[in-house]
């Protein structure tokens, strides 16, 4: 009888494995790049969850089969329903990943998911520094387009809130919800008067670039013609456009030395992004992945502490070392 138990229990896993095998390339190529809510679980959770689910489903089907006397007339309906839902479970991943279409979700939730996607793609007025107006245009909300936004603003300061650091700088493998750039900088000027300045820049709008703001607002305030050793601690690596601007600045200013410490690699799977990272290296930029010690340095020097309280020590998150090694390996593969 144990053979039936094993057979029923293992059966759901066969289709699950085939679904994973057929779509294993679509996960890094498409799914990981989708804008997902911050509470979306890590990819590591799914194999464990589906293993538990398929095992429970398979064993439950065995119990039904055994209690109802095998493939009897009593077992036809429950086992038939079980088989139908199992077939749908097997068929959905290949269809969903193969079509690369979020609307492959059941129609019951399609409208809800569509609204969620719109909210993620098109930030609200409040998120862009403007008050929401619910009665705009005959009671209908006007969709905000990027070209309709006012000139991008950059938040500057000496220290950023701890909650921003803990969320935005966390070197997670999946950066869902982390669509801002936080840039902490140290500029050491060696000229007639040696000086050191530090601070941080934060994107106010989703399409603003803190890297651009540094070259437009911070660097021009330093001594002209002097040597500037600049170190950035950035939540994620620069985009292609910012990478081009960095290369341009380094080639133009021979006295500029730039080291960029990044918590995460931004869209590193894209060929154009990899090419941009390599061009930065060729231009003389030193690109590094932030180690746990670097996160601690940022915590001590750029994160504000609660007034009236003693300075709190940096508490590394659970997978900080593992994620650092993951990104360090990816960066080495790209640059060499």
Protein backbone atom coordinates (compact mmCIF):
# COMPACT_ATOMS: atom_id res chain seq x y z
CA UNK A 1 0.00 0.00 0.00
CA UNK A 2 2.95 2.31 0.57
CA UNK A 3 3.53 2.43 -3.20
CA UNK A 4 0.10 4.06 -3.70
CA UNK A 5 0.87 6.55 -0.93
CA UNK A 6 4.16 7.55 -2.53
CA UNK A 7 2.67 7.63 -6.03
CA UNK A 8 -0.25 9.91 -5.14
CA UNK A 9 2.01 12.17 -3.08
CA UNK A 10 4.72 12.51 -5.73
CA UNK A 11 2.38 12.96 -8.72
CA UNK A 12 1.71 16.73 -8.25
CA UNK A 13 5.45 17.39 -8.08
CA UNK A 14 5.97 16.00 -11.59
CA UNK A 15 4.00 18.81 -13.22
CA UNK A 16 5.47 21.36 -10.83
CA UNK A 17 9.01 20.36 -11.79
CA UNK A 18 8.21 20.45 -15.50
CA UNK A 19 6.67 23.92 -15.10
CA UNK A 20 9.81 25.17 -13.38
CA UNK A 21 12.09 23.56 -15.96
CA UNK A 22 10.23 25.08 -18.91
CA UNK A 23 10.20 28.57 -17.37
CA UNK A 24 13.51 28.68 -15.52
CA UNK A 25 14.92 31.26 -17.97
CA UNK A 26 11.87 33.51 -17.80
CA UNK A 27 12.23 34.12 -14.07
CA UNK A 28 15.46 36.19 -14.23
CA UNK A 29 14.72 37.54 -17.71
CA UNK A 30 11.20 38.84 -17.05
CA UNK A 31 9.60 38.13 -13.68
CA UNK A 32 12.38 39.60 -11.53
CA UNK A 33 12.16 42.89 -13.43
CA UNK A 34 8.45 43.38 -12.76
CA UNK A 35 7.46 46.07 -10.29
CA UNK A 36 6.22 44.09 -7.32
CA UNK A 37 4.86 45.28 -3.97
CA UNK A 38 7.27 45.51 -1.08
CA UNK A 39 5.57 42.56 0.66
CA UNK A 40 6.22 40.23 -2.29
CA UNK A 41 8.10 37.19 -0.89
CA UNK A 42 11.60 36.30 -2.02
CA UNK A 43 12.14 33.80 -4.83
CA UNK A 44 13.60 31.37 -2.29
CA UNK A 45 10.21 31.03 -0.61
CA UNK A 46 8.36 29.66 -3.64
CA UNK A 47 10.09 26.27 -3.97
CA UNK A 48 9.48 25.57 -0.29
CA UNK A 49 5.86 26.74 -0.41
CA UNK A 50 4.96 24.74 -3.52
CA UNK A 51 6.72 21.65 -2.21
CA UNK A 52 4.57 21.79 0.92
CA UNK A 53 1.40 22.51 -1.08
CA UNK A 54 1.93 19.79 -3.67
CA UNK A 55 2.86 17.26 -0.98
CA UNK A 56 -0.30 18.07 0.98
CA UNK A 57 -2.47 17.94 -2.14
CA UNK A 58 -1.01 14.63 -3.25
CA UNK A 59 -1.35 12.96 0.12
CA UNK A 60 -4.91 14.28 0.52
CA UNK A 61 -5.82 12.73 -2.85
CA UNK A 62 -4.47 9.41 -1.61
CA UNK A 63 -6.64 9.62 1.51
CA UNK A 64 -9.73 10.25 -0.64
CA UNK A 65 -8.86 7.38 -2.95
CA UNK A 66 -8.20 5.05 -0.05
CA UNK A 67 -11.28 5.99 2.03
CA UNK A 68 -13.67 5.76 -0.92
CA UNK A 69 -12.49 2.36 -2.04
CA UNK A 70 -10.17 3.24 -4.88
CA UNK A 71 -11.52 4.38 -8.23
CA UNK A 72 -15.12 3.77 -7.25
CA UNK A 73 -18.19 5.71 -8.29
CA UNK A 74 -17.99 7.65 -5.01
CA UNK A 75 -14.45 8.78 -5.76
CA UNK A 76 -15.06 9.95 -9.32
CA UNK A 77 -16.33 13.43 -8.43
CA UNK A 78 -13.78 14.41 -5.75
CA UNK A 79 -10.85 12.91 -7.65
CA UNK A 80 -12.10 14.45 -10.89
CA UNK A 81 -12.22 17.91 -9.31
CA UNK A 82 -8.79 17.32 -7.83
CA UNK A 83 -7.42 16.32 -11.22
CA UNK A 84 -8.95 19.37 -12.89
CA UNK A 85 -7.45 21.85 -10.44
CA UNK A 86 -4.11 20.03 -10.60
CA UNK A 87 -4.10 20.32 -14.40
CA UNK A 88 -4.82 24.05 -14.12
CA UNK A 89 -1.99 24.42 -11.61
CA UNK A 90 0.40 22.70 -14.01
CA UNK A 91 -0.77 24.63 -17.07
CA UNK A 92 -0.81 28.13 -15.63
CA UNK A 93 2.98 28.77 -15.14
CA UNK A 94 3.94 27.89 -18.75
CA UNK A 95 1.11 30.06 -20.07
CA UNK A 96 1.81 32.95 -17.71
CA UNK A 97 5.60 33.05 -18.13
CA UNK A 98 5.48 32.07 -21.79
CA UNK A 99 3.10 34.88 -22.70
CA UNK A 100 4.79 37.33 -20.30
CA UNK A 101 1.33 38.71 -19.67
CA UNK A 102 0.06 39.76 -16.26
CA UNK A 103 -3.50 39.45 -17.56
CA UNK A 104 -3.10 35.66 -17.56
CA UNK A 105 -4.26 35.85 -13.96
CA UNK A 106 -7.85 34.65 -13.44
CA UNK A 107 -10.38 37.20 -14.67
CA UNK A 108 -11.77 37.53 -11.17
CA UNK A 109 -8.61 39.35 -10.10
CA UNK A 110 -7.57 40.84 -13.43
CA UNK A 111 -9.20 44.22 -12.82
CA UNK A 112 -7.70 44.50 -9.34
CA UNK A 113 -4.23 43.59 -10.59
CA UNK A 114 -4.60 46.03 -13.46
CA UNK A 115 -5.37 48.86 -11.06
CA UNK A 116 -2.40 47.86 -8.90
CA UNK A 117 -0.12 47.91 -11.95
CA UNK A 118 -1.38 51.34 -12.97
CA UNK A 119 -0.70 52.71 -9.50
CA UNK A 120 2.84 51.37 -9.64
CA UNK A 121 3.52 52.63 -13.16
CA UNK A 122 1.97 56.06 -12.62
CA UNK A 123 2.82 57.63 -9.25
CA UNK A 124 0.11 59.68 -7.60
CA UNK A 125 0.32 63.43 -7.22
CA UNK A 126 1.09 63.05 -3.52
CA UNK A 127 4.04 60.81 -4.28
CA UNK A 128 5.39 63.45 -6.64
CA UNK A 129 5.17 66.32 -4.21
CA UNK A 130 1.76 67.56 -5.35
CA UNK A 131 -1.55 67.39 -3.45
CA UNK A 132 -4.13 64.94 -4.77
CA UNK A 133 -7.25 66.46 -6.30
CA UNK A 134 -10.12 64.01 -6.43
CA UNK A 135 -12.41 66.43 -8.33
CA UNK A 136 -10.21 67.16 -11.29
CA UNK A 137 -11.77 67.17 -14.74
CA UNK A 138 -15.48 66.49 -14.07
CA UNK A 139 -14.77 64.21 -11.14
CA UNK A 140 -12.31 62.04 -13.03
CA UNK A 141 -8.69 61.83 -11.92
CA UNK A 142 -6.25 62.86 -14.55
CA UNK A 143 -3.42 60.42 -15.16
CA UNK A 144 -0.09 61.94 -14.30
CA UNK A 145 2.42 61.78 -17.11
CA UNK A 146 6.10 62.33 -16.54
CA UNK A 147 6.19 65.28 -18.92
CA UNK A 148 3.43 66.95 -16.86
CA UNK A 149 5.49 66.94 -13.67
CA UNK A 150 7.30 70.05 -12.49
CA UNK A 151 11.10 70.13 -12.71
CA UNK A 152 12.59 67.34 -10.64
CA UNK A 153 13.65 68.27 -7.16
CA UNK A 154 16.42 66.69 -5.13
CA UNK A 155 16.31 66.34 -1.38
CA UNK A 156 19.64 67.21 0.20
CA UNK A 157 20.95 67.03 3.74
CA UNK A 158 23.63 65.73 6.02
CA UNK A 159 21.78 62.74 7.47
CA UNK A 160 18.88 60.65 6.23
CA UNK A 161 16.14 59.07 8.36
CA UNK A 162 16.96 55.62 9.72
CA UNK A 163 13.81 54.09 8.26
CA UNK A 164 14.87 55.15 4.74
CA UNK A 165 18.31 53.64 5.20
CA UNK A 166 16.98 50.33 6.52
CA UNK A 167 14.62 49.93 3.57
CA UNK A 168 16.35 51.59 0.61
CA UNK A 169 19.93 50.49 1.31
CA UNK A 170 19.09 46.88 2.13
CA UNK A 171 21.01 44.72 -0.35
CA UNK A 172 18.15 42.39 -1.19
CA UNK A 173 18.22 40.29 -4.35
CA UNK A 174 14.80 41.63 -5.38
CA UNK A 175 14.35 45.38 -5.02
CA UNK A 176 10.55 45.63 -5.26
CA UNK A 177 9.32 49.03 -4.06
CA UNK A 178 12.84 50.43 -3.84
CA UNK A 179 12.55 52.80 -6.79
CA UNK A 180 14.39 55.77 -5.33
CA UNK A 181 18.11 56.46 -5.27
CA UNK A 182 19.81 57.47 -2.03
CA UNK A 183 23.35 58.75 -2.50
CA UNK A 184 25.66 59.54 0.42
CA UNK A 185 28.84 61.33 -0.65
CA UNK A 186 32.23 62.29 0.75
CA UNK A 187 34.31 64.81 -1.20
CA UNK A 188 37.96 65.30 -0.21
CA UNK A 189 39.43 68.33 -1.96
CA UNK A 190 43.19 68.67 -2.28
CA UNK A 191 44.15 72.12 -3.49
CA UNK A 192 45.13 75.46 -2.08
CA UNK A 193 42.89 74.64 0.85
CA UNK A 194 42.21 71.03 1.71
CA UNK A 195 38.62 70.41 2.68
CA UNK A 196 36.15 67.59 3.20
CA UNK A 197 32.42 67.81 2.69
CA UNK A 198 29.75 65.17 3.04
CA UNK A 199 26.00 64.80 2.73
CA UNK A 200 23.32 62.86 0.97
CA UNK A 201 21.03 63.24 -2.03
CA UNK A 202 17.63 61.64 -2.44
CA UNK A 203 15.42 61.41 -5.51
CA UNK A 204 12.21 63.35 -4.95
CA UNK A 205 10.56 61.90 -8.06
CA UNK A 206 10.78 58.40 -9.51
CA UNK A 207 12.62 59.56 -12.64
CA UNK A 208 15.03 61.97 -10.94
CA UNK A 209 18.67 61.00 -10.67
CA UNK A 210 20.65 61.75 -7.54
CA UNK A 211 23.87 61.03 -9.48
CA UNK A 212 23.03 63.84 -11.91
CA UNK A 213 22.27 66.18 -9.03
CA UNK A 214 25.72 65.59 -7.54
CA UNK A 215 27.45 66.80 -10.70
CA UNK A 216 25.03 69.69 -11.14
CA UNK A 217 24.79 71.01 -7.58
CA UNK A 218 27.49 69.55 -5.30
CA UNK A 219 30.68 69.26 -7.33
CA UNK A 220 30.50 72.84 -8.75
CA UNK A 221 30.70 74.20 -5.19
CA UNK A 222 34.13 72.62 -4.70
CA UNK A 223 37.39 74.35 -5.62
CA UNK A 224 37.82 74.61 -9.37
CA UNK A 225 41.00 73.08 -10.72
CA UNK A 226 41.71 71.12 -7.52
CA UNK A 227 41.85 67.38 -7.15
CA UNK A 228 38.66 65.83 -5.79
CA UNK A 229 38.57 62.36 -4.32
CA UNK A 230 34.88 61.48 -4.25
CA UNK A 231 33.28 58.45 -2.64
CA UNK A 232 29.62 57.60 -3.12
CA UNK A 233 27.60 55.17 -1.04
CA UNK A 234 24.55 54.50 -3.19
CA UNK A 235 21.50 52.32 -2.58
CA UNK A 236 21.78 50.87 -6.12
CA UNK A 237 24.13 51.19 -9.08
CA UNK A 238 23.58 53.98 -11.64
CA UNK A 239 21.27 53.57 -14.63
CA UNK A 240 22.58 53.73 -18.19
CA UNK A 241 22.00 57.49 -18.52
CA UNK A 242 23.75 58.26 -15.24
CA UNK A 243 26.61 55.94 -16.16
CA UNK A 244 27.13 57.97 -19.34
CA UNK A 245 27.13 61.19 -17.32
CA UNK A 246 29.70 59.73 -14.91
CA UNK A 247 31.98 58.71 -17.78
CA UNK A 248 31.67 62.17 -19.31
CA UNK A 249 32.59 63.86 -16.02
CA UNK A 250 35.61 61.63 -15.44
CA UNK A 251 36.96 62.16 -18.95
CA UNK A 252 36.44 65.92 -18.74
CA UNK A 253 37.90 66.45 -15.26
CA UNK A 254 41.27 64.73 -14.91
CA UNK A 255 41.45 65.77 -11.26
CA UNK A 256 38.31 63.85 -10.37
CA UNK A 257 38.65 60.45 -8.70
CA UNK A 258 35.37 58.64 -8.14
CA UNK A 259 34.69 55.49 -6.12
CA UNK A 260 31.12 54.20 -6.05
CA UNK A 261 30.03 51.77 -3.33
CA UNK A 262 26.62 50.29 -4.20
CA UNK A 263 24.25 48.21 -2.10
CA UNK A 264 22.60 46.53 -5.11
CA UNK A 265 23.14 46.21 -8.85
CA UNK A 266 20.40 47.88 -10.86
CA UNK A 267 19.01 45.68 -13.69
CA UNK A 268 22.36 43.94 -14.05
CA UNK A 269 20.92 41.27 -16.37
CA UNK A 270 20.38 43.80 -19.18
CA UNK A 271 23.20 43.84 -21.79
CA UNK A 272 23.12 47.65 -22.08
CA UNK A 273 23.41 47.95 -18.30
CA UNK A 274 26.39 45.62 -18.24
CA UNK A 275 28.01 47.63 -21.01
CA UNK A 276 27.39 50.83 -19.04
CA UNK A 277 29.09 49.38 -15.96
CA UNK A 278 32.08 48.34 -18.03
CA UNK A 279 32.32 51.80 -19.60
CA UNK A 280 32.42 53.33 -16.12
CA UNK A 281 35.36 51.12 -15.23
CA UNK A 282 37.16 52.05 -18.45
CA UNK A 283 36.63 55.74 -17.66
CA UNK A 284 38.41 55.28 -14.33
CA UNK A 285 35.50 54.84 -11.94
CA UNK A 286 36.04 52.34 -9.15
CA UNK A 287 32.83 50.39 -8.67
CA UNK A 288 32.44 48.25 -5.55
CA UNK A 289 29.68 46.36 -3.76
CA UNK A 290 29.04 47.56 -0.21
CA UNK A 291 30.32 45.18 2.44
CA UNK A 292 28.67 44.89 5.86
CA UNK A 293 31.35 47.27 7.17
CA UNK A 294 30.36 49.84 4.56
CA UNK A 295 26.71 49.71 5.63
CA UNK A 296 27.88 50.26 9.19
CA UNK A 297 29.96 53.26 8.05
CA UNK A 298 26.92 54.82 6.37
CA UNK A 299 24.84 54.14 9.47
CA UNK A 300 27.33 55.93 11.71
CA UNK A 301 28.08 58.87 9.42
CA UNK A 302 24.94 59.51 7.36
CA UNK A 303 21.94 58.24 9.31
CA UNK A 304 20.26 60.50 11.85
CA UNK A 305 19.68 59.27 15.39
CA UNK A 306 16.69 60.00 17.59
CA UNK A 307 17.08 63.20 19.56
CA UNK A 308 17.70 62.71 23.23
CA UNK A 309 18.75 59.07 22.75
CA UNK A 310 22.14 57.47 22.69
CA UNK A 311 23.47 56.55 19.27
CA UNK A 312 22.23 53.11 18.33
CA UNK A 313 24.68 50.62 16.90
CA UNK A 314 24.17 49.20 13.43
CA UNK A 315 22.29 45.90 13.40
CA UNK A 316 23.03 43.90 10.21
CA UNK A 317 20.07 42.18 8.61
CA UNK A 318 20.10 38.41 8.41
CA UNK A 319 21.25 37.94 4.80
CA UNK A 320 23.55 40.96 4.48
CA UNK A 321 26.75 38.93 3.96
CA UNK A 322 25.11 36.43 1.62
CA UNK A 323 23.64 39.18 -0.56
CA UNK A 324 26.95 41.04 -0.62
CA UNK A 325 28.69 37.93 -1.95
CA UNK A 326 25.91 37.41 -4.51
CA UNK A 327 26.28 40.91 -5.96
CA UNK A 328 30.07 40.85 -5.75
CA UNK A 329 30.15 37.71 -7.90
CA UNK A 330 27.76 39.25 -10.42
CA UNK A 331 29.79 42.44 -10.66
CA UNK A 332 33.02 40.48 -11.14
CA UNK A 333 31.43 38.52 -13.98
CA UNK A 334 30.29 41.73 -15.67
CA UNK A 335 33.54 43.67 -15.34
CA UNK A 336 35.92 40.88 -16.31
